[in-house]
Amino acid sequence: MNTSLTQNHFELFGLPLSFEIDQQKLASDYRELQSAVHPDRFANASDQERRISVQKAAQINEAFQTLKSPIRRARYLLELKGVEFDDQRETAIDPTFLMEQMELREALGEIGNDANALASLGKLLDDIQQRTRQLVDEINPLLQGDAEAALTQAKSIVHKLQFMQKLQQEAEAKEEDLANLL
């Protein structure tokens, strides 16, 4: 495996340019690549070789973090296909999805601190995860081609996945708070 600093993340790991990837191969290749370029292996090397080792290790870490996350992987694929993201300005989301988000957030806010709270929160987390899986399933075929309409739709799903990820993080934080209270 070549670890050129100019390779995209998929090339770096010898993976096809695809949303669906073999997570076990990714993890195995990650360990192998990190072992090959780890700065400790270059302790007696020149300053330039040590610096390149650190750069390659950072590149491998970044690529691994991107490819193991469905949201980051989808976004990266879209960027490789020429789709640009401007998170500060792009706020238009499907109104139906926004209503669902408001309802989910309201449900999260209504979960109290009683004995049933953890069970209610567990159900809500299951719902969030199911909706996230559905979005991931929807995005996969859209990323297989280069049709502009499909890529635009995939970009919209990335935004929805980001909303769902944030909601899940908030629900997990509440779950941790509740667990500490009990």
Protein backbone atom coordinates (compact mmCIF):
# COMPACT_ATOMS: atom_id res chain seq x y z
CA MET A 1 0.00 0.00 0.00
CA ASN A 2 1.35 3.34 -1.04
CA THR A 3 0.96 6.18 1.45
CA SER A 4 1.47 9.16 -0.80
CA LEU A 5 0.25 12.41 0.70
CA THR A 6 -1.67 13.14 -2.52
CA GLN A 7 -3.92 10.07 -2.48
CA ASN A 8 -7.58 10.39 -1.65
CA HIS A 9 -8.82 8.44 1.36
CA PHE A 10 -10.11 5.52 -0.69
CA GLU A 11 -6.86 5.17 -2.64
CA LEU A 12 -4.89 5.32 0.59
CA PHE A 13 -6.70 2.25 1.90
CA GLY A 14 -6.95 0.48 -1.46
CA LEU A 15 -10.74 0.70 -1.39
CA PRO A 16 -13.09 1.30 -4.30
CA LEU A 17 -14.65 4.73 -4.53
CA SER A 18 -17.94 3.58 -3.00
CA PHE A 19 -20.20 4.38 -0.06
CA GLU A 20 -20.31 0.74 0.97
CA ILE A 21 -16.96 -0.35 2.32
CA ASP A 22 -15.66 -3.33 4.23
CA GLN A 23 -15.26 -1.95 7.76
CA GLN A 24 -13.09 -4.88 8.85
CA LYS A 25 -10.71 -4.38 5.92
CA LEU A 26 -10.63 -0.67 6.70
CA ALA A 27 -9.69 -1.31 10.35
CA SER A 28 -7.11 -3.94 9.42
CA ASP A 29 -5.51 -1.73 6.75
CA TYR A 30 -5.53 1.19 9.17
CA ARG A 31 -3.50 -0.75 11.74
CA GLU A 32 -1.11 -1.94 9.02
CA LEU A 33 -0.60 1.55 7.57
CA GLN A 34 -0.15 3.14 10.99
CA SER A 35 2.42 0.52 11.90
CA ALA A 36 4.38 1.20 8.70
CA VAL A 37 4.56 4.98 9.16
CA HIS A 38 4.48 5.31 12.94
CA PRO A 39 6.91 8.04 14.04
CA ASP A 40 8.60 5.66 16.52
CA ARG A 41 9.90 3.69 13.53
CA PHE A 42 11.70 6.84 12.38
CA ALA A 43 13.30 7.82 15.68
CA ASN A 44 16.80 7.56 14.20
CA ALA A 45 15.87 8.99 10.81
CA SER A 46 16.50 12.48 9.49
CA ASP A 47 14.28 15.41 10.52
CA GLN A 48 12.64 15.37 7.11
CA GLU A 49 11.84 11.64 7.32
CA ARG A 50 10.38 12.08 10.82
CA ARG A 51 8.29 15.02 9.65
CA ILE A 52 6.97 13.03 6.66
CA SER A 53 6.18 10.13 9.00
CA VAL A 54 4.11 12.42 11.24
CA GLN A 55 2.32 13.87 8.20
CA LYS A 56 1.51 10.43 6.83
CA ALA A 57 0.29 9.21 10.24
CA ALA A 58 -2.00 12.26 10.47
CA GLN A 59 -3.27 11.65 6.92
CA ILE A 60 -4.01 8.00 7.73
CA ASN A 61 -5.85 8.99 10.93
CA GLU A 62 -7.95 11.57 9.09
CA ALA A 63 -8.76 9.15 6.27
CA PHE A 64 -9.72 6.41 8.72
CA GLN A 65 -12.00 8.71 10.75
CA THR A 66 -13.68 9.91 7.54
CA LEU A 67 -14.20 6.49 6.01
CA LYS A 68 -15.46 4.75 9.14
CA SER A 69 -18.26 7.31 9.63
CA PRO A 70 -21.18 6.97 7.18
CA ILE A 71 -21.92 10.69 7.33
CA ARG A 72 -18.34 11.81 6.83
CA ARG A 73 -17.80 9.14 4.13
CA ALA A 74 -20.90 10.27 2.19
CA ARG A 75 -19.89 13.91 2.45
CA TYR A 76 -16.34 13.10 1.33
CA LEU A 77 -17.63 11.10 -1.65
CA LEU A 78 -19.84 14.01 -2.65
CA GLU A 79 -16.92 16.41 -2.38
CA LEU A 80 -14.81 14.11 -4.59
CA LYS A 81 -17.65 14.26 -7.12
CA GLY A 82 -17.55 18.06 -7.09
CA VAL A 83 -20.41 18.77 -4.68
CA GLU A 84 -19.60 21.69 -2.41
CA PHE A 85 -20.87 22.19 1.12
CA ASP A 86 -21.35 25.52 2.86
CA ASP A 87 -22.71 24.62 6.27
CA GLN A 88 -23.08 28.26 7.29
CA ARG A 89 -25.30 29.22 4.38
CA GLU A 90 -27.06 26.00 3.42
CA THR A 91 -29.96 25.73 5.82
CA ALA A 92 -32.82 24.73 3.53
CA ILE A 93 -34.13 21.35 4.67
CA ASP A 94 -37.24 19.47 3.67
CA PRO A 95 -40.13 20.92 5.75
CA THR A 96 -41.49 17.44 6.51
CA PHE A 97 -38.12 16.40 7.89
CA LEU A 98 -37.92 19.59 9.96
CA MET A 99 -41.33 18.81 11.48
CA GLU A 100 -40.13 15.31 12.34
CA GLN A 101 -37.03 16.81 13.96
CA MET A 102 -39.15 19.20 16.00
CA GLU A 103 -41.35 16.33 17.15
CA LEU A 104 -38.34 14.20 18.09
CA ARG A 105 -36.75 17.09 19.99
CA GLU A 106 -40.03 17.75 21.75
CA ALA A 107 -40.24 14.07 22.72
CA LEU A 108 -36.68 14.26 24.06
CA GLY A 109 -37.53 17.40 26.03
CA GLU A 110 -40.60 15.77 27.57
CA ILE A 111 -38.65 12.85 29.01
CA GLY A 112 -38.53 13.51 32.72
CA ASN A 113 -36.47 12.15 35.57
CA ASP A 114 -38.87 9.43 36.69
CA ALA A 115 -38.49 5.65 36.73
CA ASN A 116 -39.80 5.31 33.18
CA ALA A 117 -37.44 7.92 31.75
CA LEU A 118 -34.68 5.50 30.74
CA ALA A 119 -37.17 3.20 29.01
CA SER A 120 -38.72 6.14 27.16
CA LEU A 121 -35.29 7.40 26.20
CA GLY A 122 -34.31 3.93 25.00
CA LYS A 123 -37.35 3.85 22.70
CA LEU A 124 -36.51 7.30 21.38
CA LEU A 125 -32.89 6.29 20.72
CA ASP A 126 -34.09 3.18 18.89
CA ASP A 127 -36.34 5.39 16.74
CA ILE A 128 -33.48 7.77 15.97
CA GLN A 129 -31.18 4.89 15.02
CA GLN A 130 -33.85 3.32 12.80
CA ARG A 131 -34.41 6.63 11.00
CA THR A 132 -30.65 7.04 10.58
CA ARG A 133 -30.32 3.55 9.09
CA GLN A 134 -33.14 4.37 6.67
CA LEU A 135 -31.35 7.53 5.52
CA VAL A 136 -28.08 5.61 5.10
CA ASP A 137 -29.93 3.03 3.00
CA GLU A 138 -31.40 5.84 0.87
CA ILE A 139 -28.07 7.54 0.24
CA ASN A 140 -26.12 4.51 -0.93
CA PRO A 141 -27.67 4.14 -4.42
CA LEU A 142 -27.57 7.91 -4.94
CA LEU A 143 -23.79 7.93 -4.50
CA GLN A 144 -23.17 5.22 -7.08
CA GLY A 145 -23.39 7.54 -10.05
CA ASP A 146 -22.65 11.09 -11.04
CA ALA A 147 -26.13 12.31 -12.00
CA GLU A 148 -26.57 15.84 -10.67
CA ALA A 149 -30.10 15.21 -9.35
CA ALA A 150 -28.96 12.13 -7.41
CA LEU A 151 -25.95 13.96 -5.96
CA THR A 152 -28.17 16.88 -4.91
CA GLN A 153 -30.54 14.46 -3.21
CA ALA A 154 -27.57 12.71 -1.53
CA LYS A 155 -26.35 16.07 -0.26
CA SER A 156 -29.77 16.72 1.26
CA ILE A 157 -29.60 13.33 3.00
CA VAL A 158 -26.14 14.18 4.39
CA HIS A 159 -27.68 17.26 5.99
CA LYS A 160 -30.50 15.15 7.41
CA LEU A 161 -27.98 12.63 8.76
CA GLN A 162 -26.12 15.45 10.48
CA PHE A 163 -29.36 16.52 12.18
CA MET A 164 -30.01 12.95 13.27
CA GLN A 165 -26.47 12.55 14.58
CA LYS A 166 -26.80 15.71 16.68
CA LEU A 167 -30.15 14.57 18.05
CA GLN A 168 -28.69 11.16 18.91
CA GLN A 169 -25.80 12.82 20.74
CA GLU A 170 -28.24 14.94 22.73
CA ALA A 171 -30.33 11.89 23.61
CA GLU A 172 -27.23 9.94 24.66
CA ALA A 173 -26.11 12.86 26.84
CA LYS A 174 -29.54 12.90 28.50
CA GLU A 175 -29.33 9.13 28.98
CA GLU A 176 -25.98 9.53 30.72
CA ASP A 177 -27.38 12.29 32.94
CA LEU A 178 -30.37 10.11 33.87
CA ALA A 179 -28.16 7.13 34.60
CA ASN A 180 -26.08 9.30 36.96
CA LEU A 181 -29.25 10.42 38.79
CA LEU A 182 -30.50 6.88 39.43
